[in-house]
Amino acid sequence: MHLLLTLPNYDPDNCSAVMAHEIAKLLLEKADTFLSRQEAVKSAVELGMPLHEIEQYLDWLDLNRAPGALGSDSHCQRLRNEEDVSGRP
């Protein structure tokens, strides 16, 4: 007896596109120099990610990497320092 598992709204082509975009985002996120970012953008385009989405994602990354940005290392360190001074855990 075989168990057939069906997923609602499963579209293998769409899943492939979603996976390609996630891979493109990872490449863009790991690019930390101008040249590596250039290569990541080329790869993202080859994976089918539209340029406007690449630009939006890079802008989002830049905002989140900025010193003092919510979630950035400096922001988290500042919160840890405030906790140390106040004595709260």
Protein backbone atom coordinates (compact mmCIF):
# COMPACT_ATOMS: atom_id res chain seq x y z
CA MET A 1 0.00 0.00 0.00
CA HIS A 2 1.35 3.41 -0.97
CA LEU A 3 0.60 6.56 0.92
CA LEU A 4 0.01 9.48 -1.39
CA LEU A 5 0.71 12.79 0.23
CA THR A 6 -0.78 15.80 -1.49
CA LEU A 7 -0.06 19.32 -0.43
CA PRO A 8 -2.65 22.02 -1.07
CA ASN A 9 -1.56 24.58 -3.65
CA TYR A 10 1.70 22.71 -4.30
CA ASP A 11 3.35 23.99 -7.44
CA PRO A 12 6.83 22.57 -8.13
CA ASP A 13 7.69 25.45 -10.46
CA ASN A 14 6.82 28.02 -7.79
CA CYS A 15 8.79 26.09 -5.17
CA SER A 16 11.82 26.18 -7.45
CA ALA A 17 11.46 29.94 -7.89
CA VAL A 18 11.13 30.47 -4.14
CA MET A 19 14.21 28.33 -3.52
CA ALA A 20 16.17 30.24 -6.18
CA HIS A 21 15.24 33.57 -4.52
CA GLU A 22 16.30 32.27 -1.11
CA ILE A 23 19.66 31.16 -2.54
CA ALA A 24 20.04 34.56 -4.21
CA LYS A 25 19.32 36.30 -0.88
CA LEU A 26 21.95 34.18 0.86
CA LEU A 27 24.52 35.08 -1.80
CA LEU A 28 23.68 38.77 -1.46
CA GLU A 29 23.82 38.60 2.32
CA LYS A 30 27.25 36.95 2.37
CA ALA A 31 28.76 39.45 -0.08
CA ASP A 32 30.81 41.84 2.05
CA THR A 33 33.01 43.58 -0.53
CA PHE A 34 32.19 45.54 -3.66
CA LEU A 35 33.48 42.78 -5.95
CA SER A 36 31.73 39.98 -4.08
CA ARG A 37 28.51 42.01 -4.11
CA GLN A 38 28.87 42.48 -7.88
CA GLU A 39 29.20 38.72 -8.34
CA ALA A 40 26.27 38.09 -5.99
CA VAL A 41 24.07 40.47 -7.97
CA LYS A 42 25.01 38.71 -11.22
CA SER A 43 24.23 35.34 -9.67
CA ALA A 44 20.92 36.59 -8.27
CA VAL A 45 19.91 37.82 -11.73
CA GLU A 46 20.89 34.46 -13.23
CA LEU A 47 18.73 32.76 -10.58
CA GLY A 48 15.79 34.82 -11.81
CA MET A 49 15.54 37.45 -9.10
CA PRO A 50 14.32 40.76 -10.58
CA LEU A 51 16.66 43.74 -10.25
CA HIS A 52 14.17 45.78 -8.24
CA GLU A 53 13.93 42.97 -5.66
CA ILE A 54 17.73 42.72 -5.51
CA GLU A 55 17.95 46.48 -4.94
CA GLN A 56 15.29 46.38 -2.22
CA TYR A 57 16.99 43.48 -0.47
CA LEU A 58 20.42 45.15 -0.61
CA ASP A 59 18.92 48.37 0.79
CA TRP A 60 17.32 46.35 3.60
CA LEU A 61 20.63 44.62 4.33
CA ASP A 62 22.48 47.95 4.40
CA LEU A 63 19.96 49.44 6.82
CA ASN A 64 20.21 46.46 9.15
CA ARG A 65 24.01 46.42 9.03
CA ALA A 66 24.36 50.12 9.80
CA PRO A 67 25.96 50.87 13.18
CA GLY A 68 23.26 51.25 15.80
CA ALA A 69 20.57 49.69 13.62
CA LEU A 70 18.02 47.55 15.41
CA GLY A 71 19.44 44.04 15.41
CA SER A 72 22.96 45.08 14.46
CA ASP A 73 25.94 43.92 16.50
CA SER A 74 26.52 47.40 17.93
CA HIS A 75 22.86 47.70 18.92
CA CYS A 76 22.93 44.32 20.67
CA GLN A 77 26.22 45.18 22.39
CA ARG A 78 24.77 48.48 23.60
CA LEU A 79 21.79 46.61 25.08
CA ARG A 80 24.13 44.16 26.82
CA ASN A 81 26.15 47.04 28.28
CA GLU A 82 22.98 48.71 29.56
CA GLU A 83 21.98 45.44 31.25
CA ASP A 84 25.43 45.16 32.88
CA VAL A 85 25.23 48.71 34.25
CA SER A 86 21.68 48.34 35.54
CA GLY A 87 22.42 44.96 37.11
CA ARG A 88 19.37 43.40 35.48
CA PRO A 89 19.81 40.06 33.72
